[in-house]
Amino acid sequence: STSAMMKAILIVAVLCGVVSAFAPVVQQPRGLSAANQLQQYQVQPIVSRRTASDDENNNDDVASAKVPSDWQSQILSGLSVIIDPDLDADIVSLGFVQNLQIDDSGIVSIDLCLTTPACPIKDLFVQQCQDIINGLEFTRGAQVTLTAQQNEAPTAAPLGMSQIGAVIAVSSCKGGVGKSTTAVNLAFALQGMGAKVGIFDADVYGPSLPTMVAVEDDNVRFVGRQIAPLKRGGVSLMSFGYVNEGSAVMRGPMVTQLLDQFLSLTNWGPLDYLILDMPPGTGDIQLTLSQRLNITAAVIVTTPQELSFVDVERGVEMFDTVNVPCIAVVENMAYFEKEKSANVEVDYETLRDKFLQVLKERDDIADEAAADIVNSLVDTVQENVQNAGKGEIEEIRIFGQGHKRRLSEQWGIEHTFSVPLVSTIAKNGDSGTPFILDNPSSPQADTYKELAKTVVRETSKVLFSKTSRPNLSYLSEAHVIQVDGMDQGTLAPAELRRECRCAACVEELTGKQMLNPESIPESIRPMSMSPTGNYAVSVDWSDGHKSLYPYRQIRSMLASKNTNDEVLDGNMEKEKETVPL
């Protein structure tokens, strides 16, 4: 009957509610929207003092507004509040603002000459310039044209590299860690940001570039007496494998000469970045390339194992000997992504019997209808169990937890990137199409893009920053370590020694201090102090220990000491005020 069917439907609804209460909850797929991702630059937008509606209502007034004689000074003064967060200076003093003009109608035009066309915040710079110029009473509009500084290679650079702005070495001290994959995807990520990029495969014994990047035209052409690089998607390419399909059977000195000829005879043309895919190791070839090519900065590629971390240290030390800063570390194959399973075991036959027993206790439901209801309920439970956990990803760290923390605390390398073990990255490497071109919206592609932004920012710091790193010296008479430069002050040697964060002094996984501070005597002194790269200083102590301190840590210690000194001075002044006369 109709009433019996309605009752059956109500019972089903109640039971479904009970089942859903016990069924596993289906998790939403993991992932952050672009709005929730961490912004690299916390730059506050500059709000115009005059809105667009004001301009529309006051066009006649603006057009008739008299341009003051000091209009240039007013505009430049306004623009000087825009700070480049990497170079820590305003865009006017950096020389970014060029060709400042104003026409009869009050429209201002400027060229914004940045350090690189791949600047990650170039659009923000344009918006801020327009807001400030439009906020002036005598202006009617602003036209901002983006340009980039001309590339000037060192005078000792090979002939074919005379128009290259920066050479970025992608290096590893061990083969098979994904160095070439990182170099290729980094290059195409930079190209996607608007930069002119080239890749040079310096591994003569095992060139990877011909396999990883299929060129548009594989015919080698000459420009005068020079070789024209091959192309793919606007990126210039050159490798020994493009011109010689056979194996390279030659000794080290011959390889060095061959690479030198390749770099000299390749007509790279104007490039913002040349990505140098270095051969693995720290031998004569690597040192010769570092010295010959005036490498701007280096990116180290590794894997999470302890053995690979040892190689990272060797790589940083090698580049330090030739004064090349290591600006980032890529931890490849850091983890394996796997969909979480519900791991819920359900005895569906028992569940079916329980449901049927409940329904049979009701006199108003026929046995046939009860069986249909039970089948529907069991199917619902089974579907919920199967869908539970779908889309939720867990990271399985096959090779260990990695060493990001040690890289930051010991070497001062803050920019570390983890790339998971993904089959599509390997497939793209074998197919001749870079992963970032086939999967531009994937999380792994976003990692390569963030790496590219870091390379742009850190390279600009190396080439254009006027800030100097701290200079440490030991004053034996006062028994203090003097810090000069942008940060000034003194530190007690024992205090600095107790803050050592090396693996022997601090437990890596927990961060627990293993060094007993009381075991360090006040008489300890530094035997030698020397900078390591651009981010840390190495100290050899009189107790035989060797420490590595990031400049960030030294600045933090100075700031803490100065704060404590100010508080102490303030307390002393209060005590003087309360002393009765």
Protein backbone atom coordinates (compact mmCIF):
# COMPACT_ATOMS: atom_id res chain seq x y z
CA SER A 1 0.00 0.00 0.00
CA THR A 2 1.02 3.64 -0.33
CA SER A 3 1.21 4.17 3.43
CA ALA A 4 3.39 1.08 3.83
CA MET A 5 5.75 2.35 1.14
CA MET A 6 5.98 5.76 2.83
CA LYS A 7 6.82 4.09 6.13
CA ALA A 8 9.47 2.01 4.37
CA ILE A 9 11.01 5.16 2.88
CA LEU A 10 11.09 6.80 6.33
CA ILE A 11 12.79 3.74 7.81
CA VAL A 12 15.36 3.78 4.97
CA ALA A 13 16.05 7.45 5.64
CA VAL A 14 16.59 6.79 9.35
CA LEU A 15 18.80 3.78 8.71
CA CYS A 16 20.82 5.66 6.10
CA GLY A 17 21.41 8.32 8.69
CA VAL A 18 22.63 5.71 11.14
CA VAL A 19 24.85 4.11 8.51
CA SER A 20 26.36 7.42 7.46
CA ALA A 21 27.20 8.15 11.07
CA PHE A 22 29.34 5.02 11.23
CA ALA A 23 30.63 5.11 7.64
CA PRO A 24 34.08 6.61 7.02
CA VAL A 25 34.12 10.25 6.11
CA VAL A 26 35.21 10.97 2.53
CA GLN A 27 38.14 13.40 2.61
CA GLN A 28 38.43 16.24 0.17
CA PRO A 29 41.40 16.10 -2.23
CA ARG A 30 44.51 17.73 -0.87
CA GLY A 31 45.76 20.96 -2.36
CA LEU A 32 45.89 24.65 -1.71
CA SER A 33 44.33 27.33 -3.84
CA ALA A 34 46.56 30.03 -5.21
CA ALA A 35 45.07 32.48 -2.71
CA ASN A 36 46.17 30.30 0.20
CA GLN A 37 49.72 29.71 -0.98
CA LEU A 38 52.54 31.48 0.83
CA GLN A 39 53.44 34.70 -0.95
CA GLN A 40 57.14 35.19 -1.66
CA TYR A 41 56.89 38.95 -1.29
CA GLN A 42 54.93 40.67 1.44
CA VAL A 43 54.82 44.06 -0.30
CA GLN A 44 51.97 46.35 0.66
CA PRO A 45 50.15 47.87 -2.32
CA ILE A 46 50.24 51.64 -2.52
CA VAL A 47 46.80 53.21 -2.71
CA SER A 48 46.27 56.16 -4.98
CA ARG A 49 45.04 59.38 -3.45
CA ARG A 50 42.69 59.91 -6.41
CA THR A 51 40.27 57.34 -7.76
CA ALA A 52 39.24 56.72 -11.35
CA SER A 53 35.82 58.31 -10.69
CA ASP A 54 37.56 61.45 -9.47
CA ASP A 55 39.46 61.58 -12.76
CA GLU A 56 36.25 61.28 -14.76
CA ASN A 57 34.53 64.02 -12.78
CA ASN A 58 37.52 66.36 -12.85
CA ASN A 59 39.00 65.86 -16.33
CA ASP A 60 38.71 69.54 -17.15
CA ASP A 61 40.37 70.57 -13.89
CA VAL A 62 43.22 68.10 -14.37
CA ALA A 63 43.75 69.07 -17.98
CA SER A 64 43.96 72.70 -17.01
CA ALA A 65 46.14 72.02 -13.94
CA LYS A 66 49.47 73.73 -14.25
CA VAL A 67 52.49 71.45 -14.25
CA PRO A 68 54.85 72.66 -11.51
CA SER A 69 58.46 73.39 -12.32
CA ASP A 70 59.63 70.66 -9.95
CA TRP A 71 57.33 67.97 -11.41
CA GLN A 72 60.24 65.59 -11.91
CA SER A 73 61.32 65.87 -8.29
CA GLN A 74 57.76 65.32 -7.07
CA ILE A 75 57.35 62.18 -9.18
CA LEU A 76 60.74 60.76 -8.23
CA SER A 77 60.13 61.55 -4.58
CA GLY A 78 56.84 59.69 -4.74
CA LEU A 79 58.33 56.70 -6.53
CA SER A 80 61.16 56.47 -4.00
CA VAL A 81 58.82 54.82 -1.50
CA ILE A 82 58.68 51.68 -3.70
CA ILE A 83 61.24 49.24 -2.32
CA ASP A 84 62.76 46.29 -4.12
CA PRO A 85 62.52 43.57 -1.42
CA ASP A 86 65.54 41.68 -2.77
CA LEU A 87 67.97 44.57 -3.12
CA ASP A 88 66.55 46.38 -0.07
CA ALA A 89 66.58 49.77 -1.78
CA ASP A 90 64.06 52.01 -3.54
CA ILE A 91 63.62 51.83 -7.30
CA VAL A 92 64.79 55.43 -7.81
CA SER A 93 68.16 55.05 -6.10
CA LEU A 94 68.61 51.71 -7.90
CA GLY A 95 68.26 53.50 -11.25
CA PHE A 96 65.15 51.61 -12.32
CA VAL A 97 63.21 54.78 -13.24
CA GLN A 98 64.34 56.08 -16.64
CA ASN A 99 63.07 58.33 -19.46
CA LEU A 100 60.68 60.29 -17.24
CA GLN A 101 58.44 62.50 -19.41
CA ILE A 102 55.12 64.33 -19.25
CA ASP A 103 53.04 65.54 -22.21
CA ASP A 104 50.78 68.56 -22.57
CA SER A 105 47.72 66.61 -21.40
CA GLY A 106 49.39 65.62 -18.12
CA ILE A 107 50.11 61.97 -18.98
CA VAL A 108 53.38 60.78 -17.46
CA SER A 109 55.48 58.09 -19.13
CA ILE A 110 58.43 56.24 -17.60
CA ASP A 111 60.59 53.25 -18.38
CA LEU A 112 61.03 50.84 -15.50
CA CYS A 113 64.39 49.18 -16.17
CA LEU A 114 64.56 46.11 -13.93
CA THR A 115 67.49 43.80 -13.31
CA THR A 116 65.79 40.97 -15.23
CA PRO A 117 62.70 40.56 -17.43
CA ALA A 118 61.77 37.58 -15.23
CA CYS A 119 61.28 39.72 -12.11
CA PRO A 120 58.56 37.94 -10.06
CA ILE A 121 56.95 41.22 -8.91
CA LYS A 122 57.24 43.32 -12.06
CA ASP A 123 53.44 43.67 -12.33
CA LEU A 124 53.28 44.90 -8.74
CA PHE A 125 55.96 47.49 -9.50
CA VAL A 126 53.94 48.74 -12.49
CA GLN A 127 50.75 49.02 -10.41
CA GLN A 128 52.51 50.88 -7.60
CA CYS A 129 54.09 53.35 -10.05
CA GLN A 130 50.73 54.03 -11.67
CA ASP A 131 49.01 54.52 -8.31
CA ILE A 132 51.62 57.02 -7.12
CA ILE A 133 51.74 59.02 -10.35
CA ASN A 134 47.94 59.12 -10.63
CA GLY A 135 47.81 60.41 -7.06
CA LEU A 136 49.58 63.66 -8.02
CA GLU A 137 47.28 66.63 -8.68
CA PHE A 138 48.92 67.71 -11.95
CA THR A 139 48.89 64.28 -13.66
CA ARG A 140 46.17 62.75 -15.77
CA GLY A 141 47.56 59.25 -16.29
CA ALA A 142 50.65 57.06 -16.20
CA GLN A 143 52.26 54.86 -18.84
CA VAL A 144 54.86 52.45 -17.46
CA THR A 145 57.03 50.49 -19.88
CA LEU A 146 58.98 47.53 -18.53
CA THR A 147 62.54 47.03 -19.74
CA ALA A 148 65.56 45.14 -18.43
CA GLN A 149 69.20 46.07 -18.00
CA GLN A 150 71.57 45.06 -20.76
CA ASN A 151 73.59 41.93 -20.16
CA GLU A 152 77.27 42.57 -19.63
CA ALA A 153 79.46 39.50 -19.34
CA PRO A 154 82.94 39.74 -17.75
CA THR A 155 85.75 40.70 -20.12
CA ALA A 156 87.37 37.27 -19.69
CA ALA A 157 84.22 35.42 -20.82
CA PRO A 158 84.48 33.22 -23.94
CA LEU A 159 83.55 34.90 -27.22
CA GLY A 160 80.16 33.21 -27.58
CA MET A 161 79.16 34.19 -24.03
CA SER A 162 79.74 37.93 -24.31
CA GLN A 163 76.01 38.72 -24.09
CA ILE A 164 75.02 36.42 -21.25
CA GLY A 165 73.81 38.08 -18.07
CA ALA A 166 74.15 35.23 -15.55
CA VAL A 167 75.49 31.67 -15.60
CA ILE A 168 73.67 29.32 -13.22
CA ALA A 169 75.40 25.99 -12.54
CA VAL A 170 73.13 23.06 -11.69
CA SER A 171 75.42 20.60 -9.98
CA SER A 172 75.52 17.37 -8.00
CA CYS A 173 78.43 15.45 -6.63
CA LYS A 174 76.77 12.15 -7.39
CA GLY A 175 75.19 10.89 -10.60
CA GLY A 176 71.61 9.70 -10.89
CA VAL A 177 70.02 12.21 -8.54
CA GLY A 178 67.98 14.08 -11.19
CA LYS A 179 70.38 16.94 -11.88
CA SER A 180 69.63 17.16 -15.62
CA THR A 181 65.89 16.90 -14.99
CA THR A 182 66.13 19.84 -12.60
CA ALA A 183 68.28 21.87 -15.01
CA VAL A 184 65.88 21.39 -17.92
CA ASN A 185 62.70 22.19 -15.99
CA LEU A 186 64.38 25.18 -14.31
CA ALA A 187 65.35 26.57 -17.70
CA PHE A 188 61.86 26.28 -19.15
CA ALA A 189 60.36 27.73 -15.96
CA LEU A 190 62.61 30.80 -16.34
CA GLN A 191 61.64 31.06 -19.99
CA GLY A 192 57.97 31.01 -18.97
CA MET A 193 58.64 34.00 -16.71
CA GLY A 194 59.81 36.06 -19.67
CA ALA A 195 63.57 35.50 -19.58
CA LYS A 196 65.82 34.55 -22.48
CA VAL A 197 67.38 31.24 -21.46
CA GLY A 198 69.92 28.73 -22.76
CA ILE A 199 71.00 25.29 -21.56
CA PHE A 200 74.52 23.96 -21.98
CA ASP A 201 75.04 20.25 -21.28
CA ALA A 202 78.58 20.08 -19.93
CA ASP A 203 78.54 16.31 -19.39
CA VAL A 204 80.56 15.02 -22.32
CA TYR A 205 80.75 11.41 -21.11
CA GLY A 206 77.00 11.05 -20.57
CA PRO A 207 75.07 13.90 -22.26
CA SER A 208 71.40 13.94 -21.24
CA LEU A 209 70.05 16.95 -23.09
CA PRO A 210 69.44 15.24 -26.49
CA THR A 211 67.21 12.66 -24.78
CA MET A 212 65.40 15.04 -22.47
CA VAL A 213 64.70 17.83 -24.98
CA ALA A 214 63.76 17.03 -28.57
CA VAL A 215 64.76 20.03 -30.68
CA GLU A 216 62.61 21.67 -33.34
CA ASP A 217 65.32 21.28 -36.00
CA ASP A 218 68.29 18.99 -35.37
CA ASN A 219 70.42 20.37 -38.21
CA VAL A 220 73.54 22.09 -36.86
CA ARG A 221 73.99 25.48 -38.51
CA PHE A 222 76.87 27.95 -38.49
CA VAL A 223 76.79 31.70 -37.96
CA GLY A 224 80.05 32.81 -39.51
CA ARG A 225 82.65 30.71 -37.70
CA GLN A 226 80.35 29.98 -34.78
CA ILE A 227 77.72 27.29 -34.17
CA ALA A 228 74.11 28.36 -33.77
CA PRO A 229 72.47 26.71 -30.75
CA LEU A 230 69.51 24.46 -31.35
CA LYS A 231 66.07 25.57 -30.18
CA ARG A 232 63.01 24.26 -28.37
CA GLY A 233 60.20 26.62 -27.41
CA GLY A 234 62.49 29.66 -27.45
CA VAL A 235 65.16 28.04 -25.25
CA SER A 236 68.65 27.76 -26.75
CA LEU A 237 70.27 24.32 -26.42
CA MET A 238 73.75 22.90 -26.90
CA SER A 239 75.24 19.53 -26.02
CA PHE A 240 78.04 17.30 -27.22
CA GLY A 241 75.33 14.72 -27.89
CA TYR A 242 73.72 16.92 -30.55
CA VAL A 243 76.84 16.95 -32.72
CA ASN A 244 78.31 13.54 -31.91
CA GLU A 245 76.14 10.45 -31.46
CA GLY A 246 79.07 8.23 -30.48
CA SER A 247 80.67 7.90 -27.07
CA ALA A 248 83.33 10.32 -25.87
CA VAL A 249 86.51 8.33 -25.19
CA MET A 250 88.97 10.97 -24.05
CA ARG A 251 91.00 12.05 -21.05
CA GLY A 252 90.20 14.92 -18.70
CA PRO A 253 92.38 17.64 -20.28
CA MET A 254 90.87 16.88 -23.69
CA VAL A 255 87.35 17.16 -22.26
CA THR A 256 88.18 20.54 -20.71
CA GLN A 257 89.49 21.84 -24.06
CA LEU A 258 86.44 20.47 -25.87
CA LEU A 259 84.02 22.20 -23.48
CA ASP A 260 85.98 25.44 -23.78
CA GLN A 261 85.71 25.27 -27.57
CA PHE A 262 82.00 24.51 -27.39
CA LEU A 263 81.33 27.52 -25.20
CA SER A 264 83.51 29.83 -27.30
CA LEU A 265 82.17 28.67 -30.67
CA THR A 266 78.49 28.61 -29.74
CA ASN A 267 76.77 31.84 -30.73
CA TRP A 268 74.41 32.09 -27.77
CA GLY A 269 73.38 35.66 -28.50
CA PRO A 270 71.76 37.79 -25.78
CA LEU A 271 70.63 35.60 -22.85
CA ASP A 272 69.44 36.52 -19.39
CA TYR A 273 70.40 33.12 -17.96
CA LEU A 274 72.56 30.27 -19.19
CA ILE A 275 71.80 27.08 -17.27
CA LEU A 276 74.95 24.99 -17.03
CA ASP A 277 74.17 21.30 -16.54
CA MET A 278 77.40 20.33 -14.80
CA PRO A 279 78.91 16.82 -14.92
CA PRO A 280 78.69 15.02 -11.56
CA GLY A 281 81.64 15.26 -9.20
CA THR A 282 84.09 17.86 -7.87
CA GLY A 283 87.12 17.15 -10.03
CA ASP A 284 89.28 19.06 -12.46
CA ILE A 285 86.54 19.51 -15.07
CA GLN A 286 84.15 21.07 -12.57
CA LEU A 287 86.77 23.39 -11.10
CA THR A 288 87.99 24.48 -14.55
CA LEU A 289 84.44 25.25 -15.70
CA SER A 290 83.76 27.24 -12.54
CA GLN A 291 86.87 29.36 -13.02
CA ARG A 292 86.63 29.73 -16.80
CA LEU A 293 82.97 30.67 -17.05
CA ASN A 294 82.62 33.15 -14.17
CA ILE A 295 79.63 31.28 -12.82
CA THR A 296 77.18 33.60 -11.06
CA ALA A 297 75.54 31.12 -8.69
CA ALA A 298 74.95 27.41 -8.21
CA VAL A 299 71.97 25.16 -7.51
CA ILE A 300 72.81 21.85 -5.81
CA VAL A 301 70.70 18.75 -6.53
CA THR A 302 70.65 15.86 -4.10
CA THR A 303 68.48 13.10 -2.60
CA PRO A 304 67.46 12.62 1.06
CA GLN A 305 70.06 9.98 1.97
CA GLU A 306 72.90 10.78 4.37
CA LEU A 307 75.43 9.87 1.68
CA SER A 308 73.95 12.47 -0.64
CA PHE A 309 74.07 15.12 2.11
CA VAL A 310 77.79 14.50 2.43
CA ASP A 311 78.04 15.20 -1.29
CA VAL A 312 76.08 18.43 -0.86
CA GLU A 313 78.72 19.59 1.62
CA ARG A 314 81.44 18.75 -0.90
CA GLY A 315 79.63 20.64 -3.61
CA VAL A 316 79.19 23.75 -1.47
CA GLU A 317 82.87 23.62 -0.48
CA MET A 318 83.95 23.21 -4.11
CA PHE A 319 81.99 26.24 -5.25
CA ASP A 320 83.20 28.17 -2.23
CA THR A 321 86.82 27.65 -3.32
CA VAL A 322 86.02 29.47 -6.58
CA ASN A 323 83.80 32.08 -4.87
CA VAL A 324 80.50 30.86 -6.34
CA PRO A 325 77.52 31.14 -3.93
CA CYS A 326 75.12 28.20 -3.64
CA ILE A 327 71.67 29.80 -3.70
CA ALA A 328 69.36 26.76 -3.52
CA VAL A 329 69.25 23.03 -2.93
CA VAL A 330 66.79 20.70 -4.67
CA GLU A 331 66.01 17.49 -2.79
CA ASN A 332 64.95 15.18 -5.60
CA MET A 333 62.93 11.99 -5.10
CA ALA A 334 62.19 13.28 -1.61
CA TYR A 335 59.07 11.18 -1.13
CA PHE A 336 56.53 9.02 -2.92
CA GLU A 337 52.93 10.19 -3.09
CA LYS A 338 50.29 7.56 -2.46
CA GLU A 339 46.53 7.77 -2.05
CA LYS A 340 45.47 6.92 1.45
CA SER A 341 43.30 3.82 1.81
CA ALA A 342 40.46 3.59 4.28
CA ASN A 343 41.72 0.33 5.82
CA VAL A 344 38.16 -0.43 7.01
CA GLU A 345 37.07 -4.05 7.07
CA VAL A 346 33.30 -4.60 6.93
CA ASP A 347 31.50 -7.97 7.19
CA TYR A 348 28.78 -7.19 4.69
CA GLU A 349 26.89 -10.48 5.26
CA THR A 350 26.61 -9.80 8.99
CA LEU A 351 25.59 -6.22 8.26
CA ARG A 352 22.95 -7.48 5.84
CA ASP A 353 21.53 -9.86 8.46
CA LYS A 354 21.40 -7.08 11.07
CA PHE A 355 19.54 -4.75 8.73
CA LEU A 356 17.10 -7.48 7.75
CA GLN A 357 16.48 -8.37 11.39
CA VAL A 358 15.57 -4.75 12.19
CA LEU A 359 13.16 -4.51 9.28
CA LYS A 360 11.46 -7.84 10.02
CA GLU A 361 10.58 -6.62 13.48
CA ARG A 362 8.22 -4.15 11.81
CA ASP A 363 4.89 -5.63 10.77
CA ASP A 364 4.17 -3.02 8.11
CA ILE A 365 7.04 -3.96 5.75
CA ALA A 366 6.77 -7.00 3.50
CA ASP A 367 9.65 -9.45 3.32
CA GLU A 368 10.27 -8.69 -0.37
CA ALA A 369 10.38 -4.93 0.25
CA ALA A 370 12.64 -5.47 3.26
CA ALA A 371 15.12 -7.44 1.15
CA ASP A 372 15.27 -4.63 -1.45
CA ILE A 373 15.81 -2.04 1.28
CA VAL A 374 18.61 -4.07 2.87
CA ASN A 375 20.40 -4.51 -0.49
CA SER A 376 20.21 -0.77 -1.08
CA LEU A 377 21.58 0.00 2.39
CA VAL A 378 24.49 -2.44 2.07
CA ASP A 379 25.37 -1.01 -1.34
CA THR A 380 25.44 2.49 0.20
CA VAL A 381 27.76 1.38 3.00
CA GLN A 382 30.06 -0.39 0.54
CA GLU A 383 30.28 2.69 -1.69
CA ASN A 384 31.13 4.94 1.28
CA VAL A 385 33.87 2.57 2.41
CA GLN A 386 35.38 2.42 -1.07
CA ASN A 387 35.37 6.20 -1.47
CA ALA A 388 36.78 6.88 1.99
CA GLY A 389 40.21 8.50 1.78
CA LYS A 390 40.08 9.05 -1.98
CA GLY A 391 42.01 12.15 -2.99
CA GLU A 392 43.93 12.33 0.29
CA ILE A 393 47.62 11.90 -0.36
CA GLU A 394 50.23 10.63 2.06
CA GLU A 395 53.95 11.16 1.63
CA ILE A 396 56.04 8.01 1.93
CA ARG A 397 59.67 9.00 2.44
CA ILE A 398 61.47 6.05 0.94
CA PHE A 399 64.97 7.49 1.37
CA GLY A 400 64.53 9.12 4.78
CA GLN A 401 63.44 12.50 6.11
CA GLY A 402 66.04 14.53 4.24
CA HIS A 403 68.31 17.29 5.47
CA LYS A 404 66.53 20.60 4.90
CA ARG A 405 66.95 21.58 8.52
CA ARG A 406 70.69 20.95 8.55
CA LEU A 407 71.15 22.86 5.30
CA SER A 408 69.43 25.87 6.81
CA GLU A 409 71.01 25.77 10.26
CA GLN A 410 74.56 24.81 9.27
CA TRP A 411 75.05 26.37 5.85
CA GLY A 412 72.49 29.16 5.87
CA ILE A 413 70.88 27.87 2.66
CA GLU A 414 67.26 28.80 3.22
CA HIS A 415 65.95 27.93 -0.23
CA THR A 416 65.43 24.18 -0.32
CA PHE A 417 62.89 22.43 -2.52
CA SER A 418 61.52 18.90 -2.35
CA VAL A 419 60.46 17.18 -5.56
CA PRO A 420 58.56 13.89 -5.12
CA LEU A 421 59.19 10.64 -6.93
CA VAL A 422 56.66 10.92 -9.79
CA SER A 423 56.56 8.58 -12.76
CA THR A 424 55.44 11.30 -15.18
CA ILE A 425 58.60 13.31 -14.52
CA ALA A 426 60.70 10.32 -15.58
CA LYS A 427 58.46 9.63 -18.60
CA ASN A 428 58.75 13.21 -19.80
CA GLY A 429 62.51 13.06 -19.41
CA ASP A 430 62.60 10.04 -21.73
CA SER A 431 60.07 11.43 -24.22
CA GLY A 432 61.98 14.59 -25.13
CA THR A 433 59.40 17.02 -23.71
CA PRO A 434 60.16 18.75 -20.41
CA PHE A 435 57.73 17.89 -17.62
CA ILE A 436 56.84 21.53 -16.97
CA LEU A 437 55.60 21.95 -20.57
CA ASP A 438 53.29 18.93 -20.47
CA ASN A 439 52.08 19.50 -16.89
CA PRO A 440 52.17 23.26 -16.28
CA SER A 441 49.46 23.20 -13.60
CA SER A 442 50.78 20.28 -11.54
CA PRO A 443 52.15 20.72 -7.98
CA GLN A 444 55.57 19.55 -9.18
CA ALA A 445 55.58 22.23 -11.91
CA ASP A 446 54.78 24.80 -9.22
CA THR A 447 57.88 23.62 -7.33
CA TYR A 448 60.05 24.22 -10.41
CA LYS A 449 58.47 27.65 -10.85
CA GLU A 450 59.23 28.55 -7.24
CA LEU A 451 62.80 27.39 -7.81
CA ALA A 452 62.99 29.68 -10.85
CA LYS A 453 61.73 32.64 -8.80
CA THR A 454 64.38 31.93 -6.18
CA VAL A 455 67.09 31.81 -8.84
CA VAL A 456 65.92 35.17 -10.21
CA ARG A 457 65.86 36.82 -6.79
CA GLU A 458 69.13 35.41 -5.49
CA THR A 459 70.95 36.10 -8.75
CA SER A 460 69.83 39.73 -8.60
CA LYS A 461 71.22 39.93 -5.08
CA VAL A 462 74.56 38.53 -6.20
CA LEU A 463 74.84 40.86 -9.20
CA PHE A 464 73.25 44.07 -7.96
CA SER A 465 72.92 44.12 -4.17
CA LYS A 466 75.05 46.71 -2.40
CA THR A 467 74.61 45.17 1.03
CA SER A 468 77.76 43.61 2.43
CA ARG A 469 77.98 40.46 4.49
CA PRO A 470 79.18 40.73 8.09
CA ASN A 471 82.92 40.72 8.68
CA LEU A 472 84.11 38.88 11.80
CA SER A 473 87.43 39.47 13.55
CA TYR A 474 88.84 38.39 16.91
CA LEU A 475 90.13 41.10 19.27
CA SER A 476 92.54 39.18 21.50
CA GLU A 477 93.10 41.97 24.05
CA ALA A 478 89.39 42.41 24.72
CA HIS A 479 88.69 38.70 24.12
CA VAL A 480 85.62 39.44 21.96
CA ILE A 481 84.56 38.77 18.39
CA GLN A 482 83.99 42.05 16.55
CA VAL A 483 81.22 42.04 13.91
CA ASP A 484 81.43 44.80 11.29
CA GLY A 485 79.37 45.59 8.19
CA MET A 486 75.63 46.12 8.04
CA ASP A 487 75.34 44.64 11.53
CA GLN A 488 77.79 45.83 14.16
CA GLY A 489 78.53 44.66 17.65
CA THR A 490 80.58 42.21 19.68
CA LEU A 491 80.05 38.63 20.80
CA ALA A 492 81.82 36.62 23.45
CA PRO A 493 83.69 33.67 21.90
CA ALA A 494 82.24 31.21 24.42
CA GLU A 495 78.73 32.46 23.66
CA LEU A 496 79.19 31.88 19.93
CA ARG A 497 80.77 28.45 20.45
CA ARG A 498 77.80 27.32 22.58
CA GLU A 499 75.42 28.25 19.75
CA CYS A 500 77.00 25.80 17.30
CA ARG A 501 74.27 23.88 15.42
CA CYS A 502 76.37 21.18 13.77
CA ALA A 503 75.39 17.50 13.88
CA ALA A 504 77.79 16.89 16.79
CA CYS A 505 76.20 19.63 18.91
CA VAL A 506 72.50 19.35 18.04
CA GLU A 507 70.41 16.26 17.36
CA GLU A 508 69.17 16.58 13.80
CA LEU A 509 65.68 15.09 14.05
CA THR A 510 64.55 16.62 17.34
CA GLY A 511 66.67 19.77 17.47
CA LYS A 512 67.71 18.88 21.01
CA GLN A 513 71.04 20.35 22.08
CA MET A 514 73.61 17.65 22.83
CA LEU A 515 76.40 20.08 23.65
CA ASN A 516 76.65 20.86 27.35
CA PRO A 517 77.06 24.66 27.53
CA GLU A 518 78.98 24.34 30.80
CA SER A 519 81.63 22.27 29.03
CA ILE A 520 82.70 25.32 27.00
CA PRO A 521 85.21 27.42 28.97
CA GLU A 522 85.10 31.20 28.84
CA SER A 523 88.74 31.16 27.67
CA ILE A 524 87.92 29.47 24.33
CA ARG A 525 88.93 31.52 21.31
CA PRO A 526 88.63 31.31 17.51
CA MET A 527 91.81 30.21 15.72
CA SER A 528 90.54 31.27 12.28
CA MET A 529 87.35 32.66 10.75
CA SER A 530 86.51 32.72 7.04
CA PRO A 531 83.35 33.19 4.96
CA THR A 532 81.76 30.15 3.33
CA GLY A 533 79.78 31.17 0.28
CA ASN A 534 77.47 34.16 0.66
CA TYR A 535 75.51 32.94 3.62
CA ALA A 536 77.76 31.57 6.38
CA VAL A 537 81.09 31.88 8.17
CA SER A 538 83.35 29.00 9.21
CA VAL A 539 85.12 29.14 12.59
CA ASP A 540 87.95 26.90 13.79
CA TRP A 541 88.01 26.87 17.61
CA SER A 542 90.86 26.38 20.03
CA ASP A 543 89.24 23.18 21.36
CA GLY A 544 89.65 21.58 17.90
CA HIS A 545 86.00 21.93 16.93
CA LYS A 546 84.92 23.47 13.61
CA SER A 547 81.62 25.37 13.43
CA LEU A 548 79.60 26.86 10.61
CA TYR A 549 77.34 29.83 11.41
CA PRO A 550 74.80 31.29 8.99
CA TYR A 551 74.95 35.08 8.91
CA ARG A 552 71.25 34.99 9.82
CA GLN A 553 72.15 33.33 13.13
CA ILE A 554 74.87 35.89 13.90
CA ARG A 555 72.49 38.77 13.18
CA SER A 556 69.91 37.19 15.47
CA MET A 557 72.46 36.83 18.28
CA LEU A 558 73.52 40.47 17.89
CA ALA A 559 69.92 41.67 17.93
CA SER A 560 69.17 39.62 21.04
CA LYS A 561 72.31 40.92 22.79
CA ASN A 562 71.50 44.53 21.92
CA THR A 563 67.94 44.10 23.21
CA ASN A 564 69.19 42.64 26.48
CA ASP A 565 71.71 45.47 26.84
CA GLU A 566 68.96 48.07 26.32
CA VAL A 567 66.75 46.40 28.92
CA LEU A 568 69.67 46.28 31.37
CA ASP A 569 70.46 49.94 30.79
CA GLY A 570 66.81 50.82 31.28
CA ASN A 571 66.67 48.96 34.59
CA MET A 572 69.80 50.71 35.79
CA GLU A 573 68.30 54.10 34.96
CA LYS A 574 65.15 53.22 36.91
CA GLU A 575 67.24 52.18 39.92
CA LYS A 576 69.07 55.52 39.80
CA GLU A 577 65.75 57.40 39.73
CA THR A 578 64.44 55.54 42.79
CA VAL A 579 67.54 56.08 44.95
CA PRO A 580 66.65 58.71 47.65
CA LEU A 581 68.84 61.80 47.84
